[in-house]
Amino acid sequence: MADSIQFHGQEKITQWLNRVLKETKDSTELLHEIGSILESNTKERINSGIGVDDKPWQKSWRANMQSGKMGSGTTLRDTSRLYNSIKYQIIGGKRVVVGTNVIYAPLMHFGGTIKPKNGKYLTFKTPTGGWVRVKSVTIKPRPYLGMSVDDSQEVLFAIEEYLEKALKDAKPVL
């Protein structure tokens, strides 16, 4: 009784599969491509004001004030500190993460209420130059981090191209 089944061309197929595995063993190039896609698309969400759920955000009070007079009037882009901090990172050679180290980033993404630490009021300067005193400020959620349906499609396309190239590069010469 045979321990294995042999078929015509098995050696060539085995060699080819080994070359495919060798070609795809280091996926750093693919991970950088995916990271670049997701970083770029995250920044585009901030520019467009449309979240990962494909729903437009409510424009911020500051952006509404600046739209007509003083600047771009883009929500989440007052100083561009958050925007410029969006970066991707490859973790352990196997995962891509996109994020920011800006301390207020979670509040901008998930929303929330800001209350004074000391005293009864928050006091801050408005975009028009005046001052305001309020008991709290509620920030609407503006989900800019994550993967949208379009992001998923773009990443899948990049993976497909990567695998197609690996298969072609590993193809044996007959």
Protein backbone atom coordinates (compact mmCIF):
# COMPACT_ATOMS: atom_id res chain seq x y z
CA MET A 1 0.00 0.00 0.00
CA ALA A 2 1.32 3.46 -0.94
CA ASP A 3 1.87 6.22 1.63
CA SER A 4 1.35 8.93 -0.95
CA ILE A 5 -0.03 9.47 -4.39
CA GLN A 6 2.25 10.65 -7.15
CA PHE A 7 0.93 12.48 -10.21
CA HIS A 8 2.44 13.82 -13.40
CA GLY A 9 4.10 17.21 -12.81
CA GLN A 10 4.05 16.94 -9.02
CA GLU A 11 7.71 17.96 -8.73
CA LYS A 12 7.18 21.09 -10.83
CA ILE A 13 4.06 22.05 -8.83
CA THR A 14 5.85 21.48 -5.53
CA GLN A 15 8.78 23.63 -6.71
CA TRP A 16 6.37 26.34 -7.83
CA LEU A 17 4.45 26.29 -4.52
CA ASN A 18 7.75 26.53 -2.63
CA ARG A 19 8.72 29.56 -4.73
CA VAL A 20 5.30 31.16 -4.06
CA LEU A 21 5.81 30.63 -0.33
CA LYS A 22 9.29 32.14 -0.59
CA GLU A 23 7.93 35.14 -2.55
CA THR A 24 5.18 35.79 0.02
CA LYS A 25 7.20 35.04 3.17
CA ASP A 26 8.18 38.67 3.62
CA SER A 27 5.00 40.70 3.27
CA THR A 28 6.59 44.01 4.35
CA GLU A 29 5.97 45.57 0.95
CA LEU A 30 2.28 44.64 1.08
CA LEU A 31 1.91 45.88 4.66
CA HIS A 32 3.45 49.23 3.69
CA GLU A 33 1.03 49.47 0.75
CA ILE A 34 -1.95 48.73 3.01
CA GLY A 35 -0.71 51.20 5.63
CA SER A 36 -0.26 53.90 3.00
CA ILE A 37 -3.80 53.31 1.67
CA LEU A 38 -5.36 53.48 5.13
CA GLU A 39 -3.36 56.53 6.25
CA SER A 40 -4.25 58.39 3.07
CA ASN A 41 -7.93 57.45 3.28
CA THR A 42 -8.11 58.46 6.96
CA LYS A 43 -6.75 61.90 6.06
CA GLU A 44 -9.20 62.11 3.15
CA ARG A 45 -12.06 61.44 5.59
CA ILE A 46 -10.94 64.41 7.67
CA ASN A 47 -10.76 66.59 4.55
CA SER A 48 -14.17 65.49 3.25
CA GLY A 49 -15.97 65.35 6.60
CA ILE A 50 -17.40 61.92 5.79
CA GLY A 51 -16.92 59.13 8.35
CA VAL A 52 -15.99 55.48 8.00
CA ASP A 53 -19.74 54.79 7.89
CA ASP A 54 -19.98 56.98 4.76
CA LYS A 55 -22.15 59.49 6.63
CA PRO A 56 -21.24 63.20 6.62
CA TRP A 57 -20.34 64.69 9.98
CA GLN A 58 -22.09 67.64 11.49
CA LYS A 59 -19.75 70.56 10.83
CA SER A 60 -18.16 71.93 13.99
CA TRP A 61 -19.09 75.33 15.35
CA ARG A 62 -15.56 76.57 14.68
CA ALA A 63 -15.59 75.31 11.08
CA ASN A 64 -18.95 76.96 10.48
CA MET A 65 -17.60 80.26 11.84
CA GLN A 66 -14.45 80.06 9.70
CA SER A 67 -16.14 78.94 6.48
CA GLY A 68 -17.20 82.37 5.39
CA LYS A 69 -14.42 84.56 6.74
CA MET A 70 -11.22 83.27 8.18
CA GLY A 71 -10.12 79.94 6.79
CA SER A 72 -10.89 76.57 5.35
CA GLY A 73 -13.71 75.87 7.74
CA THR A 74 -12.88 72.16 7.82
CA THR A 75 -13.96 70.17 10.87
CA LEU A 76 -10.99 68.54 12.66
CA ARG A 77 -8.51 70.75 10.73
CA ASP A 78 -8.15 73.90 12.85
CA THR A 79 -4.38 73.63 13.36
CA SER A 80 -3.94 70.37 11.38
CA ARG A 81 -2.19 68.88 14.42
CA LEU A 82 -4.53 65.86 14.43
CA TYR A 83 -4.42 65.52 10.63
CA ASN A 84 -0.61 65.62 10.49
CA SER A 85 -0.30 63.09 13.32
CA ILE A 86 -2.19 60.35 11.45
CA LYS A 87 0.40 57.66 10.67
CA TYR A 88 0.52 53.96 9.98
CA GLN A 89 2.83 51.54 11.70
CA ILE A 90 3.70 47.91 11.05
CA ILE A 91 3.61 45.87 14.25
CA GLY A 92 5.64 42.69 14.54
CA GLY A 93 5.99 42.47 10.78
CA LYS A 94 2.44 41.12 10.60
CA ARG A 95 -0.08 43.87 11.36
CA VAL A 96 -0.78 47.39 10.19
CA VAL A 97 -2.22 49.94 12.58
CA VAL A 98 -3.28 53.49 11.75
CA GLY A 99 -3.61 56.02 14.49
CA THR A 100 -2.47 59.15 16.22
CA ASN A 101 -0.79 60.09 19.48
CA VAL A 102 -2.77 63.32 19.85
CA ILE A 103 -4.41 63.27 23.29
CA TYR A 104 -7.78 64.63 22.13
CA ALA A 105 -8.10 62.20 19.19
CA PRO A 106 -10.49 59.78 20.96
CA LEU A 107 -12.81 62.66 21.88
CA MET A 108 -12.90 63.80 18.25
CA HIS A 109 -13.55 60.23 17.02
CA PHE A 110 -16.11 59.05 19.60
CA GLY A 111 -17.51 62.39 20.76
CA GLY A 112 -18.15 63.36 24.36
CA THR A 113 -18.72 66.20 26.78
CA ILE A 114 -16.02 68.50 28.12
CA LYS A 115 -16.64 69.95 31.58
CA PRO A 116 -14.45 72.26 33.63
CA LYS A 117 -11.94 70.58 35.95
CA ASN A 118 -11.96 73.53 38.34
CA GLY A 119 -14.73 76.07 38.72
CA LYS A 120 -18.15 76.22 37.11
CA TYR A 121 -17.28 77.35 33.59
CA LEU A 122 -15.08 76.63 30.61
CA THR A 123 -13.71 79.87 29.18
CA PHE A 124 -12.27 80.00 25.70
CA LYS A 125 -11.66 82.32 22.78
CA THR A 126 -13.93 81.98 19.75
CA PRO A 127 -12.80 81.97 16.11
CA THR A 128 -14.22 85.48 15.78
CA GLY A 129 -12.00 86.79 18.60
CA GLY A 130 -14.56 87.00 21.39
CA TRP A 131 -14.65 85.02 24.61
CA VAL A 132 -17.24 82.49 25.78
CA ARG A 133 -18.06 81.05 29.20
CA VAL A 134 -20.06 77.81 29.21
CA LYS A 135 -20.73 75.00 31.69
CA SER A 136 -19.85 72.28 29.15
CA VAL A 137 -19.17 71.62 25.50
CA THR A 138 -20.51 68.56 23.69
CA ILE A 139 -18.42 67.23 20.82
CA LYS A 140 -20.32 65.19 18.23
CA PRO A 141 -18.70 61.90 17.15
CA ARG A 142 -16.74 62.17 13.93
CA PRO A 143 -15.48 58.65 13.17
CA TYR A 144 -12.36 59.18 11.08
CA LEU A 145 -10.37 56.08 12.16
CA GLY A 146 -11.22 52.61 10.92
CA MET A 147 -12.00 51.00 7.60
CA SER A 148 -14.84 52.00 5.35
CA VAL A 149 -16.30 49.70 2.70
CA ASP A 150 -14.22 51.56 0.09
CA ASP A 151 -11.08 51.11 2.22
CA SER A 152 -11.74 47.36 2.41
CA GLN A 153 -12.12 47.14 -1.35
CA GLU A 154 -8.92 49.10 -1.94
CA VAL A 155 -6.97 46.91 0.51
CA LEU A 156 -8.34 43.73 -1.07
CA PHE A 157 -7.27 45.01 -4.49
CA ALA A 158 -3.75 45.68 -3.16
CA ILE A 159 -3.60 42.14 -1.71
CA GLU A 160 -4.83 40.70 -5.00
CA GLU A 161 -2.14 42.59 -6.94
CA TYR A 162 0.54 41.48 -4.46
CA LEU A 163 -0.47 37.81 -4.73
CA GLU A 164 -0.79 37.99 -8.51
CA LYS A 165 2.75 39.36 -8.74
CA ALA A 166 4.05 36.71 -6.33
CA LEU A 167 2.42 33.95 -8.38
CA LYS A 168 3.85 35.31 -11.63
CA ASP A 169 7.33 35.81 -10.16
CA ALA A 170 7.33 32.24 -8.81
CA LYS A 171 6.03 30.64 -12.00
CA PRO A 172 8.44 28.00 -13.30
CA VAL A 173 9.92 28.27 -16.73
CA LEU A 174 8.67 25.28 -18.71
